[in-house]
């Protein structure tokens, strides 16, 4: 090659980054089983109701039961059943993942019952929600 490098550099093959680490993959398999057992346990104990609304689950798409982690899915909380709660699919998104304004949610008929259940289950999550409400009130 004139005036350049003597040798062509080889193209490096890039490897895709795995979606899950091997450790997380093992945890996920365990989580799926725990999730199934948690739902079955709630059904057997007659506690197959939405944590937010207090209503029983039906087979509708909006009210399909999903497991919510009150303290998140990071670290040890991922497999800690102490902070698992069953919630309806649609309401889960609205309340916990910002689907609706918190001040509008406070006007729902199930709101007071939800706060009572949340405070009994996990005081830290209750206080976190209270801070969100306080901040939202300051904005308006």
C-alpha atoms as a PDB file:
ATOM      1  CA  UNK A   1       0.000   0.000   0.000  1.00  0.00           C
ATOM      2  CA  UNK A   2       1.476   3.294  -1.032  1.00  0.00           C
ATOM      3  CA  UNK A   3       1.953   5.929   1.641  1.00  0.00           C
ATOM      4  CA  UNK A   4      -0.205   4.096   4.139  1.00  0.00           C
ATOM      5  CA  UNK A   5      -0.140   1.178   6.453  1.00  0.00           C
ATOM      6  CA  UNK A   6       1.593  -1.939   5.359  1.00  0.00           C
ATOM      7  CA  UNK A   7      -1.149  -4.233   6.590  1.00  0.00           C
ATOM      8  CA  UNK A   8      -4.918  -3.984   6.570  1.00  0.00           C
ATOM      9  CA  UNK A   9      -6.428  -4.098  10.028  1.00  0.00           C
ATOM     10  CA  UNK A  10      -8.862  -6.899  10.722  1.00  0.00           C
ATOM     11  CA  UNK A  11     -12.458  -6.015  11.405  1.00  0.00           C
ATOM     12  CA  UNK A  12     -13.295  -6.775  14.993  1.00  0.00           C
ATOM     13  CA  UNK A  13     -16.409  -8.822  15.528  1.00  0.00           C
ATOM     14  CA  UNK A  14     -18.726  -7.181  18.009  1.00  0.00           C
ATOM     15  CA  UNK A  15     -20.651  -9.383  20.360  1.00  0.00           C
ATOM     16  CA  UNK A  16     -24.106  -8.306  21.439  1.00  0.00           C
ATOM     17  CA  UNK A  17     -24.550  -7.421  25.083  1.00  0.00           C
ATOM     18  CA  UNK A  18     -26.659 -10.099  26.771  1.00  0.00           C
ATOM     19  CA  UNK A  19     -30.107  -8.984  27.918  1.00  0.00           C
ATOM     20  CA  UNK A  20     -29.612 -10.742  31.254  1.00  0.00           C
ATOM     21  CA  UNK A  21     -26.533 -11.752  33.159  1.00  0.00           C
ATOM     22  CA  UNK A  22     -26.227 -15.454  34.003  1.00  0.00           C
ATOM     23  CA  UNK A  23     -26.961 -14.651  37.663  1.00  0.00           C
ATOM     24  CA  UNK A  24     -30.082 -12.643  36.790  1.00  0.00           C
ATOM     25  CA  UNK A  25     -31.245 -15.418  34.434  1.00  0.00           C
ATOM     26  CA  UNK A  26     -31.177 -17.902  37.339  1.00  0.00           C
ATOM     27  CA  UNK A  27     -32.990 -15.410  39.563  1.00  0.00           C
ATOM     28  CA  UNK A  28     -35.602 -14.859  36.845  1.00  0.00           C
ATOM     29  CA  UNK A  29     -36.397 -18.571  36.641  1.00  0.00           C
ATOM     30  CA  UNK A  30     -36.834 -18.631  40.407  1.00  0.00           C
ATOM     31  CA  UNK A  31     -38.916 -15.432  40.234  1.00  0.00           C
ATOM     32  CA  UNK A  32     -41.342 -16.881  37.697  1.00  0.00           C
ATOM     33  CA  UNK A  33     -41.969 -19.853  39.971  1.00  0.00           C
ATOM     34  CA  UNK A  34     -42.364 -17.611  43.055  1.00  0.00           C
ATOM     35  CA  UNK A  35     -44.749 -15.384  41.130  1.00  0.00           C
ATOM     36  CA  UNK A  36     -46.910 -18.371  40.160  1.00  0.00           C
ATOM     37  CA  UNK A  37     -46.900 -19.749  43.716  1.00  0.00           C
ATOM     38  CA  UNK A  38     -47.724 -16.312  45.166  1.00  0.00           C
ATOM     39  CA  UNK A  39     -50.790 -15.976  42.940  1.00  0.00           C
ATOM     40  CA  UNK A  40     -51.887 -19.538  43.723  1.00  0.00           C
ATOM     41  CA  UNK A  41     -51.402 -18.971  47.460  1.00  0.00           C
ATOM     42  CA  UNK A  42     -53.534 -15.812  47.348  1.00  0.00           C
ATOM     43  CA  UNK A  43     -56.235 -17.638  45.373  1.00  0.00           C
ATOM     44  CA  UNK A  44     -56.266 -20.570  47.834  1.00  0.00           C
ATOM     45  CA  UNK A  45     -56.440 -18.269  50.885  1.00  0.00           C
ATOM     46  CA  UNK A  46     -59.344 -16.260  49.475  1.00  0.00           C
ATOM     47  CA  UNK A  47     -57.123 -13.163  49.167  1.00  0.00           C
ATOM     48  CA  UNK A  48     -57.313 -12.998  45.372  1.00  0.00           C
ATOM     49  CA  UNK A  49     -58.186  -9.287  45.338  1.00  0.00           C
ATOM     50  CA  UNK A  50     -56.562  -6.176  43.930  1.00  0.00           C
ATOM     51  CA  UNK A  51     -54.321  -4.491  46.499  1.00  0.00           C
ATOM     52  CA  UNK A  52     -55.301  -1.056  45.214  1.00  0.00           C
ATOM     53  CA  UNK A  53     -59.054  -1.278  44.687  1.00  0.00           C
ATOM     54  CA  UNK A  54     -59.880  -4.194  46.991  1.00  0.00           C
ATOM     55  CA  UNK A  55     -61.992  -5.801  44.224  1.00  0.00           C
ATOM     56  CA  UNK A  56     -61.845  -9.466  43.245  1.00  0.00           C
ATOM     57  CA  UNK A  57     -60.112 -10.305  39.994  1.00  0.00           C
ATOM     58  CA  UNK A  58     -62.045 -11.413  36.946  1.00  0.00           C
ATOM     59  CA  UNK A  59     -60.771 -12.650  33.612  1.00  0.00           C
ATOM     60  CA  UNK A  60     -60.918  -9.292  31.849  1.00  0.00           C
ATOM     61  CA  UNK A  61     -57.805  -7.841  30.275  1.00  0.00           C
ATOM     62  CA  UNK A  62     -57.979  -4.644  32.349  1.00  0.00           C
ATOM     63  CA  UNK A  63     -58.349  -6.472  35.639  1.00  0.00           C
ATOM     64  CA  UNK A  64     -55.819  -9.236  34.972  1.00  0.00           C
ATOM     65  CA  UNK A  65     -53.724  -9.775  38.151  1.00  0.00           C
ATOM     66  CA  UNK A  66     -50.043  -8.831  38.025  1.00  0.00           C
ATOM     67  CA  UNK A  67     -47.473  -8.862  40.809  1.00  0.00           C
ATOM     68  CA  UNK A  68     -46.167  -5.450  41.823  1.00  0.00           C
ATOM     69  CA  UNK A  69     -43.002  -5.021  43.884  1.00  0.00           C
ATOM     70  CA  UNK A  70     -43.580  -2.274  46.434  1.00  0.00           C
ATOM     71  CA  UNK A  71     -39.850  -1.702  46.845  1.00  0.00           C
ATOM     72  CA  UNK A  72     -38.806  -2.297  43.246  1.00  0.00           C
ATOM     73  CA  UNK A  73     -37.084  -5.176  41.500  1.00  0.00           C
ATOM     74  CA  UNK A  74     -33.468  -4.365  42.280  1.00  0.00           C
ATOM     75  CA  UNK A  75     -31.154  -6.393  44.464  1.00  0.00           C
ATOM     76  CA  UNK A  76     -32.709  -8.620  47.098  1.00  0.00           C
ATOM     77  CA  UNK A  77     -36.164  -7.082  46.641  1.00  0.00           C
ATOM     78  CA  UNK A  78     -36.569  -8.940  43.327  1.00  0.00           C
ATOM     79  CA  UNK A  79     -37.240 -12.241  45.100  1.00  0.00           C
ATOM     80  CA  UNK A  80     -38.579 -10.904  48.425  1.00  0.00           C
ATOM     81  CA  UNK A  81     -42.235 -11.990  48.606  1.00  0.00           C
ATOM     82  CA  UNK A  82     -42.781  -9.751  51.620  1.00  0.00           C
ATOM     83  CA  UNK A  83     -43.150  -6.785  49.248  1.00  0.00           C
ATOM     84  CA  UNK A  84     -45.211  -8.532  46.543  1.00  0.00           C
ATOM     85  CA  UNK A  85     -48.798  -7.375  46.043  1.00  0.00           C
ATOM     86  CA  UNK A  86     -51.405  -8.416  43.484  1.00  0.00           C
ATOM     87  CA  UNK A  87     -52.880  -5.568  41.470  1.00  0.00           C
ATOM     88  CA  UNK A  88     -55.075  -5.233  38.399  1.00  0.00           C
ATOM     89  CA  UNK A  89     -53.119  -4.668  35.203  1.00  0.00           C
ATOM     90  CA  UNK A  90     -54.625  -1.311  34.185  1.00  0.00           C
ATOM     91  CA  UNK A  91     -54.814   0.240  37.650  1.00  0.00           C
ATOM     92  CA  UNK A  92     -51.230  -0.918  38.283  1.00  0.00           C
ATOM     93  CA  UNK A  93     -50.007   1.252  35.435  1.00  0.00           C
ATOM     94  CA  UNK A  94     -52.142   4.213  36.496  1.00  0.00           C
ATOM     95  CA  UNK A  95     -51.049   4.265  40.136  1.00  0.00           C
ATOM     96  CA  UNK A  96     -47.494   2.966  40.210  1.00  0.00           C
ATOM     97  CA  UNK A  97     -46.140   3.935  36.813  1.00  0.00           C
ATOM     98  CA  UNK A  98     -47.464   7.438  36.261  1.00  0.00           C
ATOM     99  CA  UNK A  99     -50.344   6.663  33.947  1.00  0.00           C
ATOM    100  CA  UNK A 100     -52.607   9.213  35.663  1.00  0.00           C
ATOM    101  CA  UNK A 101     -52.245  12.324  37.751  1.00  0.00           C
ATOM    102  CA  UNK A 102     -51.944  11.546  41.479  1.00  0.00           C
ATOM    103  CA  UNK A 103     -54.381  14.313  42.426  1.00  0.00           C
ATOM    104  CA  UNK A 104     -57.044  12.748  40.165  1.00  0.00           C
ATOM    105  CA  UNK A 105     -56.366   9.309  41.634  1.00  0.00           C
ATOM    106  CA  UNK A 106     -56.987  10.706  45.119  1.00  0.00           C
ATOM    107  CA  UNK A 107     -60.614  11.355  44.110  1.00  0.00           C
ATOM    108  CA  UNK A 108     -61.245   7.667  43.329  1.00  0.00           C
ATOM    109  CA  UNK A 109     -63.562   5.832  45.774  1.00  0.00           C
ATOM    110  CA  UNK A 110     -60.940   3.176  46.573  1.00  0.00           C
ATOM    111  CA  UNK A 111     -58.172   5.674  47.471  1.00  0.00           C
ATOM    112  CA  UNK A 112     -58.587   5.697  51.280  1.00  0.00           C
ATOM    113  CA  UNK A 113     -58.706   1.903  51.450  1.00  0.00           C
ATOM    114  CA  UNK A 114     -55.597   1.710  49.305  1.00  0.00           C
ATOM    115  CA  UNK A 115     -53.671   4.051  51.606  1.00  0.00           C
ATOM    116  CA  UNK A 116     -54.696   2.002  54.638  1.00  0.00           C
ATOM    117  CA  UNK A 117     -53.571  -1.260  52.987  1.00  0.00           C
ATOM    118  CA  UNK A 118     -50.310   0.318  51.808  1.00  0.00           C
ATOM    119  CA  UNK A 119     -49.472   1.668  55.251  1.00  0.00           C
ATOM    120  CA  UNK A 120     -50.082  -1.759  56.844  1.00  0.00           C
ATOM    121  CA  UNK A 121     -48.041  -3.572  54.219  1.00  0.00           C
ATOM    122  CA  UNK A 122     -45.037  -1.237  53.868  1.00  0.00           C
ATOM    123  CA  UNK A 123     -44.689   2.043  55.732  1.00  0.00           C
ATOM    124  CA  UNK A 124     -41.687   3.120  53.643  1.00  0.00           C
ATOM    125  CA  UNK A 125     -43.696   2.886  50.400  1.00  0.00           C
ATOM    126  CA  UNK A 126     -46.544   4.751  52.106  1.00  0.00           C
ATOM    127  CA  UNK A 127     -44.237   7.628  53.077  1.00  0.00           C
ATOM    128  CA  UNK A 128     -42.794   7.720  49.550  1.00  0.00           C
ATOM    129  CA  UNK A 129     -46.303   8.064  48.125  1.00  0.00           C
ATOM    130  CA  UNK A 130     -47.130  10.799  50.633  1.00  0.00           C
ATOM    131  CA  UNK A 131     -44.075  12.764  49.446  1.00  0.00           C
ATOM    132  CA  UNK A 132     -45.280  12.425  45.837  1.00  0.00           C
ATOM    133  CA  UNK A 133     -48.679  13.750  46.852  1.00  0.00           C
ATOM    134  CA  UNK A 134     -47.075  16.651  48.725  1.00  0.00           C
ATOM    135  CA  UNK A 135     -44.957  17.603  45.710  1.00  0.00           C
ATOM    136  CA  UNK A 136     -47.940  17.367  43.368  1.00  0.00           C
ATOM    137  CA  UNK A 137     -49.984  19.589  45.688  1.00  0.00           C
ATOM    138  CA  UNK A 138     -47.241  22.222  45.709  1.00  0.00           C
ATOM    139  CA  UNK A 139     -47.244  22.405  41.921  1.00  0.00           C
ATOM    140  CA  UNK A 140     -50.958  23.181  41.700  1.00  0.00           C
END
